[in-house]
Amino acid sequence: MVYPNPAKNSITFEFSEDINTNVQIIIYDIFGKEVIHRDFSQKKLFNMDISSLANGIYFYKIIKNNEILNNDKLIKL
Protein backbone atom coordinates (compact mmCIF):
# COMPACT_ATOMS: atom_id res chain seq x y z
CA MET A 1 0.00 0.00 0.00
CA VAL A 2 1.21 3.51 -0.84
CA TYR A 3 -0.21 6.53 0.94
CA PRO A 4 -1.14 9.29 0.79
CA ASN A 5 -1.91 9.32 -2.90
CA PRO A 6 -2.14 12.11 -4.02
CA ALA A 7 0.86 13.20 -1.96
CA LYS A 8 2.58 16.50 -1.18
CA ASN A 9 6.08 16.07 0.26
CA SER A 10 6.38 12.43 1.30
CA ILE A 11 4.85 9.04 0.72
CA THR A 12 4.82 5.86 2.76
CA PHE A 13 5.16 2.38 1.36
CA GLU A 14 3.58 -0.17 3.68
CA PHE A 15 4.00 -3.91 3.23
CA SER A 16 1.85 -6.71 4.59
CA GLU A 17 4.88 -8.54 5.97
CA ASP A 18 8.35 -7.61 7.16
CA ILE A 19 10.88 -7.03 4.40
CA ASN A 20 14.05 -8.96 5.18
CA THR A 21 15.85 -8.63 1.85
CA ASN A 22 16.81 -5.70 -0.32
CA VAL A 23 13.89 -3.96 -2.03
CA GLN A 24 14.08 -1.26 -4.69
CA ILE A 25 11.56 1.52 -5.18
CA ILE A 26 11.84 3.33 -8.49
CA ILE A 27 9.76 6.36 -9.45
CA TYR A 28 9.43 7.38 -13.10
CA ASP A 29 8.01 10.50 -14.70
CA ILE A 30 5.36 10.29 -17.45
CA PHE A 31 8.10 10.02 -20.08
CA GLY A 32 9.60 6.92 -18.45
CA LYS A 33 12.63 8.74 -17.02
CA GLU A 34 13.76 7.44 -13.64
CA VAL A 35 13.55 10.32 -11.15
CA ILE A 36 14.04 8.53 -7.80
CA HIS A 37 15.66 5.17 -7.02
CA ARG A 38 15.91 3.95 -3.43
CA ASP A 39 17.10 0.66 -1.99
CA PHE A 40 15.99 -0.38 1.46
CA SER A 41 15.59 -3.36 3.74
CA GLN A 42 13.44 -2.27 6.62
CA LYS A 43 10.44 -3.73 8.33
CA LYS A 44 6.93 -2.97 7.11
CA LEU A 45 7.15 0.78 6.44
CA PHE A 46 9.36 2.89 4.23
CA ASN A 47 8.93 6.70 4.08
CA MET A 48 10.20 8.53 1.02
CA ASP A 49 10.73 12.28 0.58
CA ILE A 50 9.29 13.40 -2.75
CA SER A 51 9.41 17.15 -2.12
CA SER A 52 12.00 17.59 -4.89
CA LEU A 53 9.56 16.31 -7.54
CA ALA A 54 7.48 18.75 -9.55
CA ASN A 55 3.71 18.42 -9.25
CA GLY A 56 2.33 15.87 -11.67
CA ILE A 57 1.74 12.21 -12.39
CA TYR A 58 4.44 9.62 -11.76
CA PHE A 59 4.67 5.85 -11.80
CA TYR A 60 6.46 3.61 -9.33
CA LYS A 61 7.77 0.06 -9.22
CA ILE A 62 8.59 -1.98 -6.15
CA ILE A 63 11.12 -4.69 -6.95
CA LYS A 64 12.26 -7.54 -4.69
CA ASN A 65 14.70 -10.22 -5.87
CA ASN A 66 14.35 -9.00 -9.49
CA GLU A 67 10.57 -9.49 -9.33
CA ILE A 68 8.11 -6.61 -9.56
CA LEU A 69 5.92 -6.74 -6.45
CA ASN A 70 3.82 -3.74 -7.36
CA ASN A 71 3.63 -0.93 -9.90
CA ASP A 72 1.11 1.86 -10.01
CA LYS A 73 0.47 5.57 -10.46
CA LEU A 74 1.45 8.27 -7.97
CA ILE A 75 0.15 11.84 -8.03
CA LYS A 76 2.31 14.63 -6.57
CA LEU A 77 0.47 17.82 -5.57
PDB file of N, CA and C in Angstrom:
ATOM      1  N   MET A   1       0.834  -1.160   0.000  1.00  0.00           N
ATOM      2  CA  MET A   1       0.000   0.000   0.000  1.00  0.00           C
ATOM      3  C   MET A   1       0.892   1.240   0.000  1.00  0.00           C
ATOM      4  N   VAL A   2       0.488   2.247  -0.770  1.00  0.00           N
ATOM      5  CA  VAL A   2       1.210   3.508  -0.840  1.00  0.00           C
ATOM      6  C   VAL A   2       0.244   4.616  -0.440  1.00  0.00           C
ATOM      7  N   TYR A   3       0.663   5.436   0.499  1.00  0.00           N
ATOM      8  CA  TYR A   3      -0.208   6.528   0.938  1.00  0.00           C
ATOM      9  C   TYR A   3       0.629   7.698   1.436  1.00  0.00           C
ATOM     10  N   PRO A   4       0.106   8.899   1.457  1.00  0.00           N
ATOM     11  CA  PRO A   4      -1.136   9.288   0.788  1.00  0.00           C
ATOM     12  C   PRO A   4      -0.921   9.348  -0.722  1.00  0.00           C
ATOM     13  N   ASN A   5      -1.957   9.238  -1.452  1.00  0.00           N
ATOM     14  CA  ASN A   5      -1.910   9.322  -2.904  1.00  0.00           C
ATOM     15  C   ASN A   5      -3.223   9.920  -3.384  1.00  0.00           C
ATOM     16  N   PRO A   6      -3.226  11.183  -3.722  1.00  0.00           N
ATOM     17  CA  PRO A   6      -2.142  12.110  -4.019  1.00  0.00           C
ATOM     18  C   PRO A   6      -1.333  12.482  -2.780  1.00  0.00           C
ATOM     19  N   ALA A   7      -0.083  12.868  -3.036  1.00  0.00           N
ATOM     20  CA  ALA A   7       0.857  13.201  -1.962  1.00  0.00           C
ATOM     21  C   ALA A   7       1.433  14.591  -2.185  1.00  0.00           C
ATOM     22  N   LYS A   8       1.940  15.177  -1.086  1.00  0.00           N
ATOM     23  CA  LYS A   8       2.577  16.500  -1.182  1.00  0.00           C
ATOM     24  C   LYS A   8       4.095  16.370  -1.107  1.00  0.00           C
ATOM     25  N   ASN A   9       4.622  16.066   0.079  1.00  0.00           N
ATOM     26  CA  ASN A   9       6.078  16.067   0.264  1.00  0.00           C
ATOM     27  C   ASN A   9       6.675  14.709   0.568  1.00  0.00           C
ATOM     28  N   SER A  10       5.848  13.762   1.002  1.00  0.00           N
ATOM     29  CA  SER A  10       6.384  12.426   1.299  1.00  0.00           C
ATOM     30  C   SER A  10       5.303  11.382   1.084  1.00  0.00           C
ATOM     31  N   ILE A  11       5.763  10.179   0.854  1.00  0.00           N
ATOM     32  CA  ILE A  11       4.848   9.038   0.716  1.00  0.00           C
ATOM     33  C   ILE A  11       5.372   7.908   1.590  1.00  0.00           C
ATOM     34  N   THR A  12       4.471   7.025   1.942  1.00  0.00           N
ATOM     35  CA  THR A  12       4.818   5.863   2.760  1.00  0.00           C
ATOM     36  C   THR A  12       4.449   4.601   1.994  1.00  0.00           C
ATOM     37  N   PHE A  13       5.397   3.698   1.932  1.00  0.00           N
ATOM     38  CA  PHE A  13       5.163   2.377   1.361  1.00  0.00           C
ATOM     39  C   PHE A  13       4.991   1.427   2.535  1.00  0.00           C
ATOM     40  N   GLU A  14       3.857   0.757   2.589  1.00  0.00           N
ATOM     41  CA  GLU A  14       3.583  -0.169   3.684  1.00  0.00           C
ATOM     42  C   GLU A  14       3.384  -1.565   3.096  1.00  0.00           C
ATOM     43  N   PHE A  15       4.058  -2.534   3.710  1.00  0.00           N
ATOM     44  CA  PHE A  15       4.005  -3.915   3.231  1.00  0.00           C
ATOM     45  C   PHE A  15       3.253  -4.788   4.223  1.00  0.00           C
ATOM     46  N   SER A  16       2.645  -5.835   3.737  1.00  0.00           N
ATOM     47  CA  SER A  16       1.846  -6.715   4.592  1.00  0.00           C
ATOM     48  C   SER A  16       2.705  -7.594   5.491  1.00  0.00           C
ATOM     49  N   GLU A  17       3.972  -7.737   5.140  1.00  0.00           N
ATOM     50  CA  GLU A  17       4.883  -8.536   5.968  1.00  0.00           C
ATOM     51  C   GLU A  17       6.225  -7.832   6.049  1.00  0.00           C
ATOM     52  N   ASP A  18       7.030  -8.210   7.012  1.00  0.00           N
ATOM     53  CA  ASP A  18       8.350  -7.615   7.161  1.00  0.00           C
ATOM     54  C   ASP A  18       9.205  -7.895   5.927  1.00  0.00           C
ATOM     55  N   ILE A  19       9.951  -6.889   5.515  1.00  0.00           N
ATOM     56  CA  ILE A  19      10.880  -7.034   4.399  1.00  0.00           C
ATOM     57  C   ILE A  19      12.234  -7.396   4.994  1.00  0.00           C
ATOM     58  N   ASN A  20      12.769  -8.542   4.624  1.00  0.00           N
ATOM     59  CA  ASN A  20      14.053  -8.963   5.180  1.00  0.00           C
ATOM     60  C   ASN A  20      15.143  -9.089   4.117  1.00  0.00           C
ATOM     61  N   THR A  21      14.839  -8.670   2.907  1.00  0.00           N
ATOM     62  CA  THR A  21      15.845  -8.628   1.851  1.00  0.00           C
ATOM     63  C   THR A  21      15.808  -7.247   1.216  1.00  0.00           C
ATOM     64  N   ASN A  22      16.748  -6.990   0.336  1.00  0.00           N
ATOM     65  CA  ASN A  22      16.807  -5.695  -0.321  1.00  0.00           C
ATOM     66  C   ASN A  22      15.615  -5.501  -1.261  1.00  0.00           C
ATOM     67  N   VAL A  23      15.001  -4.335  -1.169  1.00  0.00           N
ATOM     68  CA  VAL A  23      13.886  -3.958  -2.030  1.00  0.00           C
ATOM     69  C   VAL A  23      14.239  -2.639  -2.695  1.00  0.00           C
ATOM     70  N   GLN A  24      13.861  -2.502  -3.956  1.00  0.00           N
ATOM     71  CA  GLN A  24      14.082  -1.264  -4.694  1.00  0.00           C
ATOM     72  C   GLN A  24      12.746  -0.598  -4.958  1.00  0.00           C
ATOM     73  N   ILE A  25      12.712   0.722  -4.780  1.00  0.00           N
ATOM     74  CA  ILE A  25      11.559   1.518  -5.177  1.00  0.00           C
ATOM     75  C   ILE A  25      12.054   2.504  -6.214  1.00  0.00           C
ATOM     76  N   ILE A  26      11.438   2.464  -7.390  1.00  0.00           N
ATOM     77  CA  ILE A  26      11.842   3.327  -8.488  1.00  0.00           C
ATOM     78  C   ILE A  26      10.630   4.149  -8.913  1.00  0.00           C
ATOM     79  N   ILE A  27      10.824   5.460  -8.999  1.00  0.00           N
ATOM     80  CA  ILE A  27       9.761   6.355  -9.448  1.00  0.00           C
ATOM     81  C   ILE A  27      10.160   6.937 -10.792  1.00  0.00           C
ATOM     82  N   TYR A  28       9.214   6.908 -11.738  1.00  0.00           N
ATOM     83  CA  TYR A  28       9.427   7.384 -13.096  1.00  0.00           C
ATOM     84  C   TYR A  28       8.478   8.547 -13.386  1.00  0.00           C
ATOM     85  N   ASP A  29       8.925   9.460 -14.251  1.00  0.00           N
ATOM     86  CA  ASP A  29       8.008  10.500 -14.704  1.00  0.00           C
ATOM     87  C   ASP A  29       7.154   9.955 -15.849  1.00  0.00           C
ATOM     88  N   ILE A  30       6.289  10.782 -16.405  1.00  0.00           N
ATOM     89  CA  ILE A  30       5.365  10.289 -17.445  1.00  0.00           C
ATOM     90  C   ILE A  30       6.069   9.942 -18.750  1.00  0.00           C
ATOM     91  N   PHE A  31       7.333  10.355 -18.880  1.00  0.00           N
ATOM     92  CA  PHE A  31       8.101  10.025 -20.075  1.00  0.00           C
ATOM     93  C   PHE A  31       8.939   8.760 -19.897  1.00  0.00           C
ATOM     94  N   GLY A  32       8.845   8.134 -18.716  1.00  0.00           N
ATOM     95  CA  GLY A  32       9.602   6.916 -18.447  1.00  0.00           C
ATOM     96  C   GLY A  32      10.985   7.158 -17.888  1.00  0.00           C
ATOM     97  N   LYS A  33      11.315   8.418 -17.592  1.00  0.00           N
ATOM     98  CA  LYS A  33      12.627   8.738 -17.024  1.00  0.00           C
ATOM     99  C   LYS A  33      12.622   8.462 -15.525  1.00  0.00           C
ATOM    100  N   GLU A  34      13.627   7.729 -15.065  1.00  0.00           N
ATOM    101  CA  GLU A  34      13.761   7.437 -13.643  1.00  0.00           C
ATOM    102  C   GLU A  34      14.117   8.719 -12.900  1.00  0.00           C
ATOM    103  N   VAL A  35      13.299   9.087 -11.891  1.00  0.00           N
ATOM    104  CA  VAL A  35      13.551  10.322 -11.149  1.00  0.00           C
ATOM    105  C   VAL A  35      13.967  10.066  -9.707  1.00  0.00           C
ATOM    106  N   ILE A  36      13.604   8.928  -9.150  1.00  0.00           N
ATOM    107  CA  ILE A  36      14.041   8.533  -7.804  1.00  0.00           C
ATOM    108  C   ILE A  36      14.263   7.033  -7.801  1.00  0.00           C
ATOM    109  N   HIS A  37      15.355   6.608  -7.175  1.00  0.00           N
ATOM    110  CA  HIS A  37      15.656   5.173  -7.017  1.00  0.00           C
ATOM    111  C   HIS A  37      16.192   4.987  -5.604  1.00  0.00           C
ATOM    112  N   ARG A  38      15.487   4.198  -4.816  1.00  0.00           N
ATOM    113  CA  ARG A  38      15.911   3.947  -3.432  1.00  0.00           C
ATOM    114  C   ARG A  38      15.944   2.443  -3.181  1.00  0.00           C
ATOM    115  N   ASP A  39      16.979   2.033  -2.468  1.00  0.00           N
ATOM    116  CA  ASP A  39      17.095   0.660  -1.993  1.00  0.00           C
ATOM    117  C   ASP A  39      16.879   0.686  -0.490  1.00  0.00           C
ATOM    118  N   PHE A  40      16.181  -0.303   0.016  1.00  0.00           N
ATOM    119  CA  PHE A  40      15.992  -0.378   1.457  1.00  0.00           C
ATOM    120  C   PHE A  40      15.734  -1.814   1.873  1.00  0.00           C
ATOM    121  N   SER A  41      15.919  -2.056   3.144  1.00  0.00           N
ATOM    122  CA  SER A  41      15.586  -3.356   3.737  1.00  0.00           C
ATOM    123  C   SER A  41      15.165  -3.078   5.179  1.00  0.00           C
ATOM    124  N   GLN A  42      13.980  -2.583   5.313  1.00  0.00           N
ATOM    125  CA  GLN A  42      13.436  -2.268   6.622  1.00  0.00           C
ATOM    126  C   GLN A  42      12.311  -3.235   6.941  1.00  0.00           C
ATOM    127  N   LYS A  43      11.544  -2.866   7.929  1.00  0.00           N
ATOM    128  CA  LYS A  43      10.443  -3.732   8.331  1.00  0.00           C
ATOM    129  C   LYS A  43       9.254  -3.546   7.402  1.00  0.00           C
ATOM    130  N   LYS A  44       8.135  -3.074   7.920  1.00  0.00           N
ATOM    131  CA  LYS A  44       6.931  -2.970   7.111  1.00  0.00           C
ATOM    132  C   LYS A  44       6.711  -1.612   6.462  1.00  0.00           C
ATOM    133  N   LEU A  45       7.395  -0.569   6.943  1.00  0.00           N
ATOM    134  CA  LEU A  45       7.154   0.783   6.443  1.00  0.00           C
ATOM    135  C   LEU A  45       8.417   1.401   5.876  1.00  0.00           C
ATOM    136  N   PHE A  46       8.263   2.128   4.796  1.00  0.00           N
ATOM    137  CA  PHE A  46       9.363   2.893   4.234  1.00  0.00           C
ATOM    138  C   PHE A  46       8.819   4.251   3.821  1.00  0.00           C
ATOM    139  N   ASN A  47       9.345   5.333   4.416  1.00  0.00           N
ATOM    140  CA  ASN A  47       8.932   6.698   4.080  1.00  0.00           C
ATOM    141  C   ASN A  47       9.904   7.280   3.070  1.00  0.00           C
ATOM    142  N   MET A  48       9.364   7.958   2.067  1.00  0.00           N
ATOM    143  CA  MET A  48      10.197   8.532   1.018  1.00  0.00           C
ATOM    144  C   MET A  48       9.859  10.006   0.842  1.00  0.00           C
ATOM    145  N   ASP A  49      10.892  10.850   0.837  1.00  0.00           N
ATOM    146  CA  ASP A  49      10.734  12.275   0.581  1.00  0.00           C
ATOM    147  C   ASP A  49      10.593  12.486  -0.923  1.00  0.00           C
ATOM    148  N   ILE A  50       9.486  13.097  -1.335  1.00  0.00           N
ATOM    149  CA  ILE A  50       9.286  13.396  -2.752  1.00  0.00           C
ATOM    150  C   ILE A  50       9.141  14.902  -2.983  1.00  0.00           C
ATOM    151  N   SER A  51       9.570  15.697  -2.015  1.00  0.00           N
ATOM    152  CA  SER A  51       9.412  17.152  -2.118  1.00  0.00           C
ATOM    153  C   SER A  51      10.185  17.747  -3.292  1.00  0.00           C
ATOM    154  N   SER A  52      11.208  17.070  -3.767  1.00  0.00           N
ATOM    155  CA  SER A  52      12.001  17.585  -4.890  1.00  0.00           C
ATOM    156  C   SER A  52      11.313  17.378  -6.242  1.00  0.00           C
ATOM    157  N   LEU A  53      10.270  16.554  -6.281  1.00  0.00           N
ATOM    158  CA  LEU A  53       9.558  16.309  -7.535  1.00  0.00           C
ATOM    159  C   LEU A  53       8.601  17.448  -7.847  1.00  0.00           C
ATOM    160  N   ALA A  54       8.476  17.777  -9.111  1.00  0.00           N
ATOM    161  CA  ALA A  54       7.475  18.750  -9.549  1.00  0.00           C
ATOM    162  C   ALA A  54       6.090  18.126  -9.431  1.00  0.00           C
ATOM    163  N   ASN A  55       5.075  18.943  -9.294  1.00  0.00           N
ATOM    164  CA  ASN A  55       3.712  18.423  -9.249  1.00  0.00           C
ATOM    165  C   ASN A  55       3.394  17.721 -10.557  1.00  0.00           C
ATOM    166  N   GLY A  56       2.696  16.603 -10.465  1.00  0.00           N
ATOM    167  CA  GLY A  56       2.331  15.873 -11.671  1.00  0.00           C
ATOM    168  C   GLY A  56       2.069  14.410 -11.391  1.00  0.00           C
ATOM    169  N   ILE A  57       2.012  13.651 -12.455  1.00  0.00           N
ATOM    170  CA  ILE A  57       1.745  12.214 -12.392  1.00  0.00           C
ATOM    171  C   ILE A  57       3.053  11.458 -12.567  1.00  0.00           C
ATOM    172  N   TYR A  58       3.258  10.470 -11.719  1.00  0.00           N
ATOM    173  CA  TYR A  58       4.442   9.615 -11.756  1.00  0.00           C
ATOM    174  C   TYR A  58       3.997   8.166 -11.662  1.00  0.00           C
ATOM    175  N   PHE A  59       4.918   7.277 -11.930  1.00  0.00           N
ATOM    176  CA  PHE A  59       4.673   5.847 -11.799  1.00  0.00           C
ATOM    177  C   PHE A  59       5.776   5.264 -10.939  1.00  0.00           C
ATOM    178  N   TYR A  60       5.449   4.236 -10.171  1.00  0.00           N
ATOM    179  CA  TYR A  60       6.459   3.610  -9.326  1.00  0.00           C
ATOM    180  C   TYR A  60       6.452   2.106  -9.522  1.00  0.00           C
ATOM    181  N   LYS A  61       7.609   1.513  -9.242  1.00  0.00           N
ATOM    182  CA  LYS A  61       7.775   0.057  -9.222  1.00  0.00           C
ATOM    183  C   LYS A  61       8.420  -0.314  -7.905  1.00  0.00           C
ATOM    184  N   ILE A  62       7.962  -1.392  -7.326  1.00  0.00           N
ATOM    185  CA  ILE A  62       8.590  -1.976  -6.146  1.00  0.00           C
ATOM    186  C   ILE A  62       9.136  -3.324  -6.578  1.00  0.00           C
ATOM    187  N   ILE A  63      10.451  -3.500  -6.442  1.00  0.00           N
ATOM    188  CA  ILE A  63      11.124  -4.690  -6.951  1.00  0.00           C
ATOM    189  C   ILE A  63      11.831  -5.403  -5.800  1.00  0.00           C
ATOM    190  N   LYS A  64      11.608  -6.705  -5.698  1.00  0.00           N
ATOM    191  CA  LYS A  64      12.261  -7.543  -4.694  1.00  0.00           C
ATOM    192  C   LYS A  64      12.782  -8.787  -5.396  1.00  0.00           C
ATOM    193  N   ASN A  65      14.065  -9.050  -5.248  1.00  0.00           N
ATOM    194  CA  ASN A  65      14.699 -10.223  -5.873  1.00  0.00           C
ATOM    195  C   ASN A  65      14.415 -10.271  -7.376  1.00  0.00           C
ATOM    196  N   ASN A  66      14.568  -9.124  -8.040  1.00  0.00           N
ATOM    197  CA  ASN A  66      14.355  -8.996  -9.489  1.00  0.00           C
ATOM    198  C   ASN A  66      12.925  -9.297  -9.928  1.00  0.00           C
ATOM    199  N   GLU A  67      11.981  -9.265  -9.022  1.00  0.00           N
ATOM    200  CA  GLU A  67      10.566  -9.494  -9.331  1.00  0.00           C
ATOM    201  C   GLU A  67       9.779  -8.246  -8.942  1.00  0.00           C
ATOM    202  N   ILE A  68       8.930  -7.778  -9.848  1.00  0.00           N
ATOM    203  CA  ILE A  68       8.105  -6.608  -9.558  1.00  0.00           C
ATOM    204  C   ILE A  68       6.974  -7.024  -8.626  1.00  0.00           C
ATOM    205  N   LEU A  69       6.981  -6.456  -7.416  1.00  0.00           N
ATOM    206  CA  LEU A  69       5.923  -6.736  -6.450  1.00  0.00           C
ATOM    207  C   LEU A  69       4.694  -5.885  -6.706  1.00  0.00           C
ATOM    208  N   ASN A  70       4.934  -4.647  -7.148  1.00  0.00           N
ATOM    209  CA  ASN A  70       3.824  -3.739  -7.363  1.00  0.00           C
ATOM    210  C   ASN A  70       4.291  -2.622  -8.290  1.00  0.00           C
ATOM    211  N   ASN A  71       3.388  -2.143  -9.101  1.00  0.00           N
ATOM    212  CA  ASN A  71       3.631  -0.932  -9.896  1.00  0.00           C
ATOM    213  C   ASN A  71       2.300  -0.229 -10.069  1.00  0.00           C
ATOM    214  N   ASP A  72       2.352   1.103  -9.960  1.00  0.00           N
ATOM    215  CA  ASP A  72       1.110   1.858 -10.005  1.00  0.00           C
ATOM    216  C   ASP A  72       1.426   3.331 -10.239  1.00  0.00           C
ATOM    217  N   LYS A  73       0.378   4.133 -10.224  1.00  0.00           N
ATOM    218  CA  LYS A  73       0.475   5.565 -10.459  1.00  0.00           C
ATOM    219  C   LYS A  73       0.563   6.303  -9.129  1.00  0.00           C
ATOM    220  N   LEU A  74       1.301   7.400  -9.137  1.00  0.00           N
ATOM    221  CA  LEU A  74       1.447   8.270  -7.966  1.00  0.00           C
ATOM    222  C   LEU A  74       1.211   9.701  -8.435  1.00  0.00           C
ATOM    223  N   ILE A  75       0.414  10.438  -7.688  1.00  0.00           N
ATOM    224  CA  ILE A  75       0.150  11.839  -8.025  1.00  0.00           C
ATOM    225  C   ILE A  75       0.807  12.721  -6.984  1.00  0.00           C
ATOM    226  N   LYS A  76       1.619  13.670  -7.447  1.00  0.00           N
ATOM    227  CA  LYS A  76       2.314  14.626  -6.573  1.00  0.00           C
ATOM    228  C   LYS A  76       1.613  15.962  -6.717  1.00  0.00           C
ATOM    229  N   LEU A  77       1.147  16.516  -5.580  1.00  0.00           N
ATOM    230  CA  LEU A  77       0.475  17.822  -5.569  1.00  0.00           C
ATOM    231  C   LEU A  77       1.392  18.908  -5.074  1.00  0.00           C
TER     232      LEU A  77
END
